[in-house]
Amino acid sequence: MAKKPSAKDQGILIQKEIDRLNSVFIDLPESKREVAKELIERIAFMTIQLEILEETIKTKGPTYMYQNGSQKMLIENPAQKSYNTTMNRYTAAYDKLVNLLTFLEEDDEDGEQDEDI
């Protein structure tokens, strides 16, 4: 991602990520898919935002020299702070989504045990 994509392009990227995540969770039962749908939409949005923030940090750096009159100081790039905050929330949301996958794995294990009986 060389420059910040337009709102339209961001929407397209987000939809692609939603489609990708939906394909991973296709086998979830309907009751769990409603929960997953909200998480998938939020995670897809955060994925694209994180990519944009990463590019900003790569090009402008995590810190920059701030000058206010004669006072100079090195401060954190606001993109870095946003990235860190978003990454924490992204990780938490992804963890909840992956926990829904463990529900499928538990179902598979129960099915295999039933076959052995």
PDB file of N, CA and C in Angstrom:
ATOM      1  N   MET A   1       0.852  -1.164   0.000  1.00  0.00           N
ATOM      2  CA  MET A   1       0.000   0.000   0.000  1.00  0.00           C
ATOM      3  C   MET A   1       0.906   1.238   0.000  1.00  0.00           C
ATOM      4  N   ALA A   2       1.069   1.874  -1.127  1.00  0.00           N
ATOM      5  CA  ALA A   2       1.995   2.996  -1.265  1.00  0.00           C
ATOM      6  C   ALA A   2       1.453   4.278  -0.640  1.00  0.00           C
ATOM      7  N   LYS A   3       0.184   4.550  -0.801  1.00  0.00           N
ATOM      8  CA  LYS A   3      -0.418   5.745  -0.220  1.00  0.00           C
ATOM      9  C   LYS A   3      -1.754   5.364   0.389  1.00  0.00           C
ATOM     10  N   LYS A   4      -2.285   6.276   1.177  1.00  0.00           N
ATOM     11  CA  LYS A   4      -3.566   5.993   1.822  1.00  0.00           C
ATOM     12  C   LYS A   4      -4.641   5.820   0.751  1.00  0.00           C
ATOM     13  N   PRO A   5      -5.324   4.666   0.775  1.00  0.00           N
ATOM     14  CA  PRO A   5      -6.377   4.444  -0.220  1.00  0.00           C
ATOM     15  C   PRO A   5      -7.583   5.348   0.040  1.00  0.00           C
ATOM     16  N   SER A   6      -8.310   5.634  -1.012  1.00  0.00           N
ATOM     17  CA  SER A   6      -9.522   6.442  -0.885  1.00  0.00           C
ATOM     18  C   SER A   6     -10.557   5.666  -0.072  1.00  0.00           C
ATOM     19  N   ALA A   7     -11.604   6.343   0.353  1.00  0.00           N
ATOM     20  CA  ALA A   7     -12.666   5.696   1.122  1.00  0.00           C
ATOM     21  C   ALA A   7     -13.278   4.546   0.325  1.00  0.00           C
ATOM     22  N   LYS A   8     -13.449   4.759  -0.969  1.00  0.00           N
ATOM     23  CA  LYS A   8     -14.014   3.712  -1.829  1.00  0.00           C
ATOM     24  C   LYS A   8     -13.089   2.498  -1.881  1.00  0.00           C
ATOM     25  N   ASP A   9     -11.786   2.754  -2.066  1.00  0.00           N
ATOM     26  CA  ASP A   9     -10.819   1.661  -2.113  1.00  0.00           C
ATOM     27  C   ASP A   9     -10.727   0.940  -0.764  1.00  0.00           C
ATOM     28  N   GLN A  10     -10.819   1.711   0.317  1.00  0.00           N
ATOM     29  CA  GLN A  10     -10.814   1.096   1.641  1.00  0.00           C
ATOM     30  C   GLN A  10     -12.021   0.167   1.791  1.00  0.00           C
ATOM     31  N   GLY A  11     -13.161   0.616   1.319  1.00  0.00           N
ATOM     32  CA  GLY A  11     -14.371  -0.214   1.374  1.00  0.00           C
ATOM     33  C   GLY A  11     -14.192  -1.518   0.607  1.00  0.00           C
ATOM     34  N   ILE A  12     -13.546  -1.439  -0.545  1.00  0.00           N
ATOM     35  CA  ILE A  12     -13.288  -2.641  -1.348  1.00  0.00           C
ATOM     36  C   ILE A  12     -12.341  -3.578  -0.609  1.00  0.00           C
ATOM     37  N   LEU A  13     -11.276  -3.022  -0.026  1.00  0.00           N
ATOM     38  CA  LEU A  13     -10.312  -3.839   0.722  1.00  0.00           C
ATOM     39  C   LEU A  13     -10.970  -4.497   1.941  1.00  0.00           C
ATOM     40  N   ILE A  14     -11.803  -3.728   2.617  1.00  0.00           N
ATOM     41  CA  ILE A  14     -12.511  -4.266   3.785  1.00  0.00           C
ATOM     42  C   ILE A  14     -13.424  -5.410   3.365  1.00  0.00           C
ATOM     43  N   GLN A  15     -14.159  -5.236   2.268  1.00  0.00           N
ATOM     44  CA  GLN A  15     -15.060  -6.292   1.792  1.00  0.00           C
ATOM     45  C   GLN A  15     -14.284  -7.553   1.417  1.00  0.00           C
ATOM     46  N   LYS A  16     -13.121  -7.393   0.800  1.00  0.00           N
ATOM     47  CA  LYS A  16     -12.292  -8.558   0.460  1.00  0.00           C
ATOM     48  C   LYS A  16     -11.872  -9.301   1.721  1.00  0.00           C
ATOM     49  N   GLU A  17     -11.518  -8.540   2.752  1.00  0.00           N
ATOM     50  CA  GLU A  17     -11.113  -9.164   4.016  1.00  0.00           C
ATOM     51  C   GLU A  17     -12.308  -9.850   4.678  1.00  0.00           C
ATOM     52  N   ILE A  18     -13.477  -9.237   4.607  1.00  0.00           N
ATOM     53  CA  ILE A  18     -14.694  -9.865   5.141  1.00  0.00           C
ATOM     54  C   ILE A  18     -14.950 -11.179   4.423  1.00  0.00           C
ATOM     55  N   ASP A  19     -14.850 -11.166   3.106  1.00  0.00           N
ATOM     56  CA  ASP A  19     -15.077 -12.384   2.317  1.00  0.00           C
ATOM     57  C   ASP A  19     -14.063 -13.475   2.690  1.00  0.00           C
ATOM     58  N   ARG A  20     -12.794 -13.067   2.869  1.00  0.00           N
ATOM     59  CA  ARG A  20     -11.755 -14.028   3.226  1.00  0.00           C
ATOM     60  C   ARG A  20     -12.049 -14.659   4.588  1.00  0.00           C
ATOM     61  N   LEU A  21     -12.396 -13.828   5.560  1.00  0.00           N
ATOM     62  CA  LEU A  21     -12.685 -14.351   6.898  1.00  0.00           C
ATOM     63  C   LEU A  21     -13.959 -15.200   6.901  1.00  0.00           C
ATOM     64  N   ASN A  22     -14.968 -14.782   6.144  1.00  0.00           N
ATOM     65  CA  ASN A  22     -16.197 -15.577   6.057  1.00  0.00           C
ATOM     66  C   ASN A  22     -15.920 -16.973   5.512  1.00  0.00           C
ATOM     67  N   SER A  23     -14.991 -17.076   4.564  1.00  0.00           N
ATOM     68  CA  SER A  23     -14.675 -18.391   3.997  1.00  0.00           C
ATOM     69  C   SER A  23     -14.024 -19.309   5.041  1.00  0.00           C
ATOM     70  N   VAL A  24     -13.316 -18.715   5.996  1.00  0.00           N
ATOM     71  CA  VAL A  24     -12.692 -19.505   7.061  1.00  0.00           C
ATOM     72  C   VAL A  24     -13.752 -20.021   8.031  1.00  0.00           C
ATOM     73  N   PHE A  25     -14.777 -19.220   8.263  1.00  0.00           N
ATOM     74  CA  PHE A  25     -15.794 -19.557   9.268  1.00  0.00           C
ATOM     75  C   PHE A  25     -17.093 -20.057   8.646  1.00  0.00           C
ATOM     76  N   ILE A  26     -17.019 -20.573   7.455  1.00  0.00           N
ATOM     77  CA  ILE A  26     -18.203 -21.011   6.713  1.00  0.00           C
ATOM     78  C   ILE A  26     -18.950 -22.147   7.421  1.00  0.00           C
ATOM     79  N   ASP A  27     -18.230 -22.978   8.159  1.00  0.00           N
ATOM     80  CA  ASP A  27     -18.847 -24.151   8.782  1.00  0.00           C
ATOM     81  C   ASP A  27     -19.446 -23.884  10.164  1.00  0.00           C
ATOM     82  N   LEU A  28     -19.384 -22.657  10.621  1.00  0.00           N
ATOM     83  CA  LEU A  28     -19.974 -22.351  11.931  1.00  0.00           C
ATOM     84  C   LEU A  28     -21.488 -22.533  11.884  1.00  0.00           C
ATOM     85  N   PRO A  29     -22.071 -23.063  12.956  1.00  0.00           N
ATOM     86  CA  PRO A  29     -23.528 -23.145  13.000  1.00  0.00           C
ATOM     87  C   PRO A  29     -24.145 -21.743  12.979  1.00  0.00           C
ATOM     88  N   GLU A  30     -25.358 -21.652  12.522  1.00  0.00           N
ATOM     89  CA  GLU A  30     -26.036 -20.367  12.343  1.00  0.00           C
ATOM     90  C   GLU A  30     -26.026 -19.528  13.623  1.00  0.00           C
ATOM     91  N   SER A  31     -26.209 -20.153  14.769  1.00  0.00           N
ATOM     92  CA  SER A  31     -26.229 -19.400  16.027  1.00  0.00           C
ATOM     93  C   SER A  31     -24.891 -18.716  16.293  1.00  0.00           C
ATOM     94  N   LYS A  32     -23.815 -19.329  15.913  1.00  0.00           N
ATOM     95  CA  LYS A  32     -22.482 -18.748  16.115  1.00  0.00           C
ATOM     96  C   LYS A  32     -22.117 -17.779  14.993  1.00  0.00           C
ATOM     97  N   ARG A  33     -22.708 -17.954  13.811  1.00  0.00           N
ATOM     98  CA  ARG A  33     -22.374 -17.085  12.671  1.00  0.00           C
ATOM     99  C   ARG A  33     -22.814 -15.641  12.913  1.00  0.00           C
ATOM    100  N   GLU A  34     -23.898 -15.442  13.646  1.00  0.00           N
ATOM    101  CA  GLU A  34     -24.338 -14.082  13.947  1.00  0.00           C
ATOM    102  C   GLU A  34     -23.300 -13.358  14.794  1.00  0.00           C
ATOM    103  N   VAL A  35     -22.758 -14.062  15.773  1.00  0.00           N
ATOM    104  CA  VAL A  35     -21.697 -13.489  16.607  1.00  0.00           C
ATOM    105  C   VAL A  35     -20.466 -13.250  15.746  1.00  0.00           C
ATOM    106  N   ALA A  36     -20.115 -14.232  14.939  1.00  0.00           N
ATOM    107  CA  ALA A  36     -18.925 -14.143  14.092  1.00  0.00           C
ATOM    108  C   ALA A  36     -19.057 -13.002  13.077  1.00  0.00           C
ATOM    109  N   LYS A  37     -20.257 -12.777  12.565  1.00  0.00           N
ATOM    110  CA  LYS A  37     -20.460 -11.742  11.540  1.00  0.00           C
ATOM    111  C   LYS A  37     -20.006 -10.375  12.042  1.00  0.00           C
ATOM    112  N   GLU A  38     -20.433 -10.006  13.231  1.00  0.00           N
ATOM    113  CA  GLU A  38     -20.045  -8.710  13.805  1.00  0.00           C
ATOM    114  C   GLU A  38     -18.536  -8.635  14.012  1.00  0.00           C
ATOM    115  N   LEU A  39     -17.965  -9.690  14.572  1.00  0.00           N
ATOM    116  CA  LEU A  39     -16.522  -9.710  14.799  1.00  0.00           C
ATOM    117  C   LEU A  39     -15.748  -9.632  13.484  1.00  0.00           C
ATOM    118  N   ILE A  40     -16.195 -10.370  12.491  1.00  0.00           N
ATOM    119  CA  ILE A  40     -15.524 -10.383  11.190  1.00  0.00           C
ATOM    120  C   ILE A  40     -15.529  -8.984  10.576  1.00  0.00           C
ATOM    121  N   GLU A  41     -16.653  -8.302  10.641  1.00  0.00           N
ATOM    122  CA  GLU A  41     -16.730  -6.948  10.076  1.00  0.00           C
ATOM    123  C   GLU A  41     -15.783  -5.988  10.788  1.00  0.00           C
ATOM    124  N   ARG A  42     -15.717  -6.069  12.111  1.00  0.00           N
ATOM    125  CA  ARG A  42     -14.827  -5.194  12.879  1.00  0.00           C
ATOM    126  C   ARG A  42     -13.369  -5.535  12.616  1.00  0.00           C
ATOM    127  N   ILE A  43     -13.069  -6.824  12.579  1.00  0.00           N
ATOM    128  CA  ILE A  43     -11.690  -7.250  12.344  1.00  0.00           C
ATOM    129  C   ILE A  43     -11.239  -6.854  10.947  1.00  0.00           C
ATOM    130  N   ALA A  44     -12.102  -7.001   9.963  1.00  0.00           N
ATOM    131  CA  ALA A  44     -11.752  -6.610   8.594  1.00  0.00           C
ATOM    132  C   ALA A  44     -11.439  -5.118   8.534  1.00  0.00           C
ATOM    133  N   PHE A  45     -12.256  -4.309   9.178  1.00  0.00           N
ATOM    134  CA  PHE A  45     -12.014  -2.873   9.222  1.00  0.00           C
ATOM    135  C   PHE A  45     -10.671  -2.573   9.883  1.00  0.00           C
ATOM    136  N   MET A  46     -10.437  -3.191  11.042  1.00  0.00           N
ATOM    137  CA  MET A  46      -9.190  -2.940  11.756  1.00  0.00           C
ATOM    138  C   MET A  46      -7.977  -3.420  10.963  1.00  0.00           C
ATOM    139  N   THR A  47      -8.117  -4.513  10.222  1.00  0.00           N
ATOM    140  CA  THR A  47      -7.011  -5.026   9.404  1.00  0.00           C
ATOM    141  C   THR A  47      -6.562  -3.967   8.404  1.00  0.00           C
ATOM    142  N   ILE A  48      -7.507  -3.368   7.715  1.00  0.00           N
ATOM    143  CA  ILE A  48      -7.174  -2.361   6.705  1.00  0.00           C
ATOM    144  C   ILE A  48      -6.615  -1.101   7.372  1.00  0.00           C
ATOM    145  N   GLN A  49      -7.207  -0.697   8.482  1.00  0.00           N
ATOM    146  CA  GLN A  49      -6.696   0.477   9.188  1.00  0.00           C
ATOM    147  C   GLN A  49      -5.272   0.248   9.689  1.00  0.00           C
ATOM    148  N   LEU A  50      -4.998  -0.950  10.176  1.00  0.00           N
ATOM    149  CA  LEU A  50      -3.648  -1.270  10.634  1.00  0.00           C
ATOM    150  C   LEU A  50      -2.648  -1.220   9.485  1.00  0.00           C
ATOM    151  N   GLU A  51      -3.051  -1.705   8.316  1.00  0.00           N
ATOM    152  CA  GLU A  51      -2.168  -1.651   7.150  1.00  0.00           C
ATOM    153  C   GLU A  51      -1.845  -0.206   6.778  1.00  0.00           C
ATOM    154  N   ILE A  52      -2.843   0.663   6.829  1.00  0.00           N
ATOM    155  CA  ILE A  52      -2.636   2.081   6.522  1.00  0.00           C
ATOM    156  C   ILE A  52      -1.704   2.718   7.551  1.00  0.00           C
ATOM    157  N   LEU A  53      -1.952   2.421   8.831  1.00  0.00           N
ATOM    158  CA  LEU A  53      -1.108   2.974   9.889  1.00  0.00           C
ATOM    159  C   LEU A  53       0.327   2.452   9.774  1.00  0.00           C
ATOM    160  N   GLU A  54       0.477   1.177   9.444  1.00  0.00           N
ATOM    161  CA  GLU A  54       1.812   0.613   9.264  1.00  0.00           C
ATOM    162  C   GLU A  54       2.577   1.359   8.179  1.00  0.00           C
ATOM    163  N   GLU A  55       1.907   1.634   7.080  1.00  0.00           N
ATOM    164  CA  GLU A  55       2.556   2.345   5.975  1.00  0.00           C
ATOM    165  C   GLU A  55       2.971   3.749   6.407  1.00  0.00           C
ATOM    166  N   THR A  56       2.118   4.420   7.158  1.00  0.00           N
ATOM    167  CA  THR A  56       2.442   5.753   7.662  1.00  0.00           C
ATOM    168  C   THR A  56       3.657   5.701   8.574  1.00  0.00           C
ATOM    169  N   ILE A  57       3.705   4.719   9.440  1.00  0.00           N
ATOM    170  CA  ILE A  57       4.819   4.578  10.370  1.00  0.00           C
ATOM    171  C   ILE A  57       6.109   4.254   9.610  1.00  0.00           C
ATOM    172  N   LYS A  58       6.002   3.404   8.583  1.00  0.00           N
ATOM    173  CA  LYS A  58       7.180   3.070   7.782  1.00  0.00           C
ATOM    174  C   LYS A  58       7.749   4.302   7.085  1.00  0.00           C
ATOM    175  N   THR A  59       6.861   5.139   6.556  1.00  0.00           N
ATOM    176  CA  THR A  59       7.343   6.289   5.790  1.00  0.00           C
ATOM    177  C   THR A  59       7.737   7.473   6.675  1.00  0.00           C
ATOM    178  N   LYS A  60       7.019   7.684   7.775  1.00  0.00           N
ATOM    179  CA  LYS A  60       7.283   8.858   8.611  1.00  0.00           C
ATOM    180  C   LYS A  60       8.025   8.530   9.897  1.00  0.00           C
ATOM    181  N   GLY A  61       8.100   7.238  10.239  1.00  0.00           N
ATOM    182  CA  GLY A  61       8.797   6.829  11.451  1.00  0.00           C
ATOM    183  C   GLY A  61       7.890   6.815  12.671  1.00  0.00           C
ATOM    184  N   PRO A  62       8.300   6.090  13.719  1.00  0.00           N
ATOM    185  CA  PRO A  62       7.481   5.991  14.924  1.00  0.00           C
ATOM    186  C   PRO A  62       7.544   7.251  15.801  1.00  0.00           C
ATOM    187  N   THR A  63       8.572   8.078  15.581  1.00  0.00           N
ATOM    188  CA  THR A  63       8.701   9.326  16.325  1.00  0.00           C
ATOM    189  C   THR A  63       9.078  10.439  15.354  1.00  0.00           C
ATOM    190  N   TYR A  64       8.916  11.659  15.796  1.00  0.00           N
ATOM    191  CA  TYR A  64       9.365  12.792  14.987  1.00  0.00           C
ATOM    192  C   TYR A  64       9.731  13.951  15.906  1.00  0.00           C
ATOM    193  N   MET A  65      10.527  14.873  15.357  1.00  0.00           N
ATOM    194  CA  MET A  65      10.970  16.034  16.112  1.00  0.00           C
ATOM    195  C   MET A  65       9.861  17.085  16.087  1.00  0.00           C
ATOM    196  N   TYR A  66       9.400  17.450  17.255  1.00  0.00           N
ATOM    197  CA  TYR A  66       8.342  18.452  17.401  1.00  0.00           C
ATOM    198  C   TYR A  66       8.987  19.738  17.895  1.00  0.00           C
ATOM    199  N   GLN A  67       8.596  20.841  17.309  1.00  0.00           N
ATOM    200  CA  GLN A  67       9.142  22.127  17.731  1.00  0.00           C
ATOM    201  C   GLN A  67       8.013  23.076  18.051  1.00  0.00           C
ATOM    202  N   ASN A  68       8.082  23.663  19.233  1.00  0.00           N
ATOM    203  CA  ASN A  68       7.124  24.666  19.672  1.00  0.00           C
ATOM    204  C   ASN A  68       7.945  25.875  20.125  1.00  0.00           C
ATOM    205  N   GLY A  69       8.058  26.832  19.249  1.00  0.00           N
ATOM    206  CA  GLY A  69       8.912  27.979  19.546  1.00  0.00           C
ATOM    207  C   GLY A  69      10.363  27.525  19.584  1.00  0.00           C
ATOM    208  N   SER A  70      11.044  27.794  20.687  1.00  0.00           N
ATOM    209  CA  SER A  70      12.445  27.385  20.821  1.00  0.00           C
ATOM    210  C   SER A  70      12.576  25.986  21.417  1.00  0.00           C
ATOM    211  N   GLN A  71      11.492  25.437  21.850  1.00  0.00           N
ATOM    212  CA  GLN A  71      11.510  24.115  22.484  1.00  0.00           C
ATOM    213  C   GLN A  71      11.400  23.017  21.426  1.00  0.00           C
ATOM    214  N   LYS A  72      12.347  22.081  21.439  1.00  0.00           N
ATOM    215  CA  LYS A  72      12.329  20.942  20.523  1.00  0.00           C
ATOM    216  C   LYS A  72      12.291  19.664  21.344  1.00  0.00           C
ATOM    217  N   MET A  73      11.523  18.724  20.870  1.00  0.00           N
ATOM    218  CA  MET A  73      11.484  17.426  21.557  1.00  0.00           C
ATOM    219  C   MET A  73      11.081  16.339  20.582  1.00  0.00           C
ATOM    220  N   LEU A  74      11.545  15.150  20.876  1.00  0.00           N
ATOM    221  CA  LEU A  74      11.186  13.980  20.083  1.00  0.00           C
ATOM    222  C   LEU A  74       9.893  13.416  20.667  1.00  0.00           C
ATOM    223  N   ILE A  75       8.854  13.294  19.833  1.00  0.00           N
ATOM    224  CA  ILE A  75       7.576  12.762  20.320  1.00  0.00           C
ATOM    225  C   ILE A  75       7.127  11.592  19.453  1.00  0.00           C
ATOM    226  N   GLU A  76       6.217  10.817  20.020  1.00  0.00           N
ATOM    227  CA  GLU A  76       5.675   9.657  19.308  1.00  0.00           C
ATOM    228  C   GLU A  76       4.752  10.127  18.186  1.00  0.00           C
ATOM    229  N   ASN A  77       4.901   9.497  17.044  1.00  0.00           N
ATOM    230  CA  ASN A  77       4.019   9.758  15.909  1.00  0.00           C
ATOM    231  C   ASN A  77       2.599   9.345  16.321  1.00  0.00           C
ATOM    232  N   PRO A  78       1.594  10.198  16.126  1.00  0.00           N
ATOM    233  CA  PRO A  78       0.223   9.815  16.469  1.00  0.00           C
ATOM    234  C   PRO A  78      -0.215   8.518  15.778  1.00  0.00           C
ATOM    235  N   ALA A  79       0.311   8.250  14.580  1.00  0.00           N
ATOM    236  CA  ALA A  79      -0.011   7.002  13.885  1.00  0.00           C
ATOM    237  C   ALA A  79       0.490   5.801  14.683  1.00  0.00           C
ATOM    238  N   GLN A  80       1.644   5.950  15.344  1.00  0.00           N
ATOM    239  CA  GLN A  80       2.195   4.860  16.157  1.00  0.00           C
ATOM    240  C   GLN A  80       1.280   4.577  17.344  1.00  0.00           C
ATOM    241  N   LYS A  81       0.811   5.634  17.979  1.00  0.00           N
ATOM    242  CA  LYS A  81      -0.083   5.472  19.130  1.00  0.00           C
ATOM    243  C   LYS A  81      -1.402   4.813  18.698  1.00  0.00           C
ATOM    244  N   SER A  82      -1.950   5.274  17.580  1.00  0.00           N
ATOM    245  CA  SER A  82      -3.184   4.677  17.060  1.00  0.00           C
ATOM    246  C   SER A  82      -2.967   3.213  16.702  1.00  0.00           C
ATOM    247  N   TYR A  83      -1.818   2.935  16.093  1.00  0.00           N
ATOM    248  CA  TYR A  83      -1.490   1.564  15.713  1.00  0.00           C
ATOM    249  C   TYR A  83      -1.460   0.665  16.947  1.00  0.00           C
ATOM    250  N   ASN A  84      -0.770   1.109  17.989  1.00  0.00           N
ATOM    251  CA  ASN A  84      -0.653   0.298  19.208  1.00  0.00           C
ATOM    252  C   ASN A  84      -2.022   0.033  19.837  1.00  0.00           C
ATOM    253  N   THR A  85      -2.854   1.055  19.914  1.00  0.00           N
ATOM    254  CA  THR A  85      -4.189   0.910  20.492  1.00  0.00           C
ATOM    255  C   THR A  85      -5.047  -0.028  19.643  1.00  0.00           C
ATOM    256  N   THR A  86      -5.032   0.192  18.341  1.00  0.00           N
ATOM    257  CA  THR A  86      -5.838  -0.636  17.440  1.00  0.00           C
ATOM    258  C   THR A  86      -5.352  -2.082  17.461  1.00  0.00           C
ATOM    259  N   MET A  87      -4.037  -2.281  17.506  1.00  0.00           N
ATOM    260  CA  MET A  87      -3.481  -3.631  17.523  1.00  0.00           C
ATOM    261  C   MET A  87      -3.949  -4.397  18.768  1.00  0.00           C
ATOM    262  N   ASN A  88      -4.002  -3.734  19.899  1.00  0.00           N
ATOM    263  CA  ASN A  88      -4.484  -4.396  21.121  1.00  0.00           C
ATOM    264  C   ASN A  88      -5.942  -4.834  20.964  1.00  0.00           C
ATOM    265  N   ARG A  89      -6.752  -3.979  20.418  1.00  0.00           N
ATOM    266  CA  ARG A  89      -8.175  -4.307  20.233  1.00  0.00           C
ATOM    267  C   ARG A  89      -8.360  -5.362  19.142  1.00  0.00           C
ATOM    268  N   TYR A  90      -7.542  -5.269  18.116  1.00  0.00           N
ATOM    269  CA  TYR A  90      -7.567  -6.237  17.014  1.00  0.00           C
ATOM    270  C   TYR A  90      -7.239  -7.632  17.538  1.00  0.00           C
ATOM    271  N   THR A  91      -6.201  -7.706  18.338  1.00  0.00           N
ATOM    272  CA  THR A  91      -5.779  -8.988  18.906  1.00  0.00           C
ATOM    273  C   THR A  91      -6.880  -9.583  19.781  1.00  0.00           C
ATOM    274  N   ALA A  92      -7.518  -8.758  20.593  1.00  0.00           N
ATOM    275  CA  ALA A  92      -8.604  -9.234  21.456  1.00  0.00           C
ATOM    276  C   ALA A  92      -9.788  -9.722  20.629  1.00  0.00           C
ATOM    277  N   ALA A  93     -10.139  -8.971  19.595  1.00  0.00           N
ATOM    278  CA  ALA A  93     -11.270  -9.366  18.746  1.00  0.00           C
ATOM    279  C   ALA A  93     -10.955 -10.649  17.985  1.00  0.00           C
ATOM    280  N   TYR A  94      -9.735 -10.749  17.462  1.00  0.00           N
ATOM    281  CA  TYR A  94      -9.335 -11.951  16.723  1.00  0.00           C
ATOM    282  C   TYR A  94      -9.353 -13.166  17.646  1.00  0.00           C
ATOM    283  N   ASP A  95      -8.931 -12.974  18.887  1.00  0.00           N
ATOM    284  CA  ASP A  95      -8.938 -14.065  19.862  1.00  0.00           C
ATOM    285  C   ASP A  95     -10.359 -14.580  20.073  1.00  0.00           C
ATOM    286  N   LYS A  96     -11.315 -13.674  20.177  1.00  0.00           N
ATOM    287  CA  LYS A  96     -12.713 -14.083  20.346  1.00  0.00           C
ATOM    288  C   LYS A  96     -13.214 -14.835  19.113  1.00  0.00           C
ATOM    289  N   LEU A  97     -12.808 -14.373  17.941  1.00  0.00           N
ATOM    290  CA  LEU A  97     -13.223 -15.027  16.709  1.00  0.00           C
ATOM    291  C   LEU A  97     -12.622 -16.432  16.601  1.00  0.00           C
ATOM    292  N   VAL A  98     -11.358 -16.552  16.937  1.00  0.00           N
ATOM    293  CA  VAL A  98     -10.690 -17.863  16.878  1.00  0.00           C
ATOM    294  C   VAL A  98     -11.305 -18.816  17.901  1.00  0.00           C
ATOM    295  N   ASN A  99     -11.754 -18.287  19.021  1.00  0.00           N
ATOM    296  CA  ASN A  99     -12.423 -19.140  20.012  1.00  0.00           C
ATOM    297  C   ASN A  99     -13.682 -19.776  19.434  1.00  0.00           C
ATOM    298  N   LEU A 100     -14.322 -19.111  18.483  1.00  0.00           N
ATOM    299  CA  LEU A 100     -15.471 -19.711  17.812  1.00  0.00           C
ATOM    300  C   LEU A 100     -15.030 -20.912  16.977  1.00  0.00           C
ATOM    301  N   LEU A 101     -13.820 -20.864  16.443  1.00  0.00           N
ATOM    302  CA  LEU A 101     -13.287 -22.006  15.687  1.00  0.00           C
ATOM    303  C   LEU A 101     -13.061 -23.203  16.605  1.00  0.00           C
ATOM    304  N   THR A 102     -12.648 -22.954  17.829  1.00  0.00           N
ATOM    305  CA  THR A 102     -12.442 -24.071  18.760  1.00  0.00           C
ATOM    306  C   THR A 102     -13.769 -24.771  19.025  1.00  0.00           C
ATOM    307  N   PHE A 103     -14.867 -24.033  18.914  1.00  0.00           N
ATOM    308  CA  PHE A 103     -16.184 -24.642  19.042  1.00  0.00           C
ATOM    309  C   PHE A 103     -16.356 -25.716  17.966  1.00  0.00           C
ATOM    310  N   LEU A 104     -15.916 -25.420  16.744  1.00  0.00           N
ATOM    311  CA  LEU A 104     -15.994 -26.399  15.650  1.00  0.00           C
ATOM    312  C   LEU A 104     -15.106 -27.602  15.920  1.00  0.00           C
ATOM    313  N   GLU A 105     -13.891 -27.341  16.415  1.00  0.00           N
ATOM    314  CA  GLU A 105     -12.964 -28.427  16.700  1.00  0.00           C
ATOM    315  C   GLU A 105     -13.528 -29.341  17.776  1.00  0.00           C
ATOM    316  N   GLU A 106     -14.153 -28.767  18.801  1.00  0.00           N
ATOM    317  CA  GLU A 106     -14.764 -29.564  19.861  1.00  0.00           C
ATOM    318  C   GLU A 106     -15.893 -30.414  19.300  1.00  0.00           C
ATOM    319  N   ASP A 107     -16.667 -29.834  18.382  1.00  0.00           N
ATOM    320  CA  ASP A 107     -17.743 -30.580  17.732  1.00  0.00           C
ATOM    321  C   ASP A 107     -17.190 -31.767  16.947  1.00  0.00           C
ATOM    322  N   ASP A 108     -16.082 -31.528  16.209  1.00  0.00           N
ATOM    323  CA  ASP A 108     -15.445 -32.596  15.439  1.00  0.00           C
ATOM    324  C   ASP A 108     -14.957 -33.710  16.354  1.00  0.00           C
ATOM    325  N   GLU A 109     -14.347 -33.349  17.479  1.00  0.00           N
ATOM    326  CA  GLU A 109     -13.849 -34.347  18.420  1.00  0.00           C
ATOM    327  C   GLU A 109     -15.005 -35.150  19.002  1.00  0.00           C
ATOM    328  N   ASP A 110     -16.114 -34.483  19.330  1.00  0.00           N
ATOM    329  CA  ASP A 110     -17.278 -35.183  19.850  1.00  0.00           C
ATOM    330  C   ASP A 110     -17.822 -36.160  18.814  1.00  0.00           C
ATOM    331  N   GLY A 111     -17.837 -35.743  17.550  1.00  0.00           N
ATOM    332  CA  GLY A 111     -18.323 -36.601  16.470  1.00  0.00           C
ATOM    333  C   GLY A 111     -17.441 -37.821  16.294  1.00  0.00           C
ATOM    334  N   GLU A 112     -16.128 -37.643  16.405  1.00  0.00           N
ATOM    335  CA  GLU A 112     -15.200 -38.777  16.270  1.00  0.00           C
ATOM    336  C   GLU A 112     -15.363 -39.736  17.429  1.00  0.00           C
ATOM    337  N   GLN A 113     -15.587 -39.218  18.624  1.00  0.00           N
ATOM    338  CA  GLN A 113     -15.755 -40.084  19.781  1.00  0.00           C
ATOM    339  C   GLN A 113     -17.051 -40.878  19.657  1.00  0.00           C
ATOM    340  N   ASP A 114     -18.101 -40.257  19.133  1.00  0.00           N
ATOM    341  CA  ASP A 114     -19.366 -40.956  18.938  1.00  0.00           C
ATOM    342  C   ASP A 114     -19.203 -42.120  17.970  1.00  0.00           C
ATOM    343  N   GLU A 115     -18.374 -41.928  16.957  1.00  0.00           N
ATOM    344  CA  GLU A 115     -18.164 -42.989  15.966  1.00  0.00           C
ATOM    345  C   GLU A 115     -17.431 -44.175  16.579  1.00  0.00           C
ATOM    346  N   ASP A 116     -16.575 -43.919  17.576  1.00  0.00           N
ATOM    347  CA  ASP A 116     -15.800 -44.976  18.198  1.00  0.00           C
ATOM    348  C   ASP A 116     -16.651 -45.837  19.110  1.00  0.00           C
ATOM    349  N   ILE A 117     -17.785 -45.343  19.554  1.00  0.00           N
ATOM    350  CA  ILE A 117     -18.623 -46.066  20.521  1.00  0.00           C
ATOM    351  C   ILE A 117     -19.407 -47.160  19.866  1.00  0.00           C
TER     352      ILE A 117
END
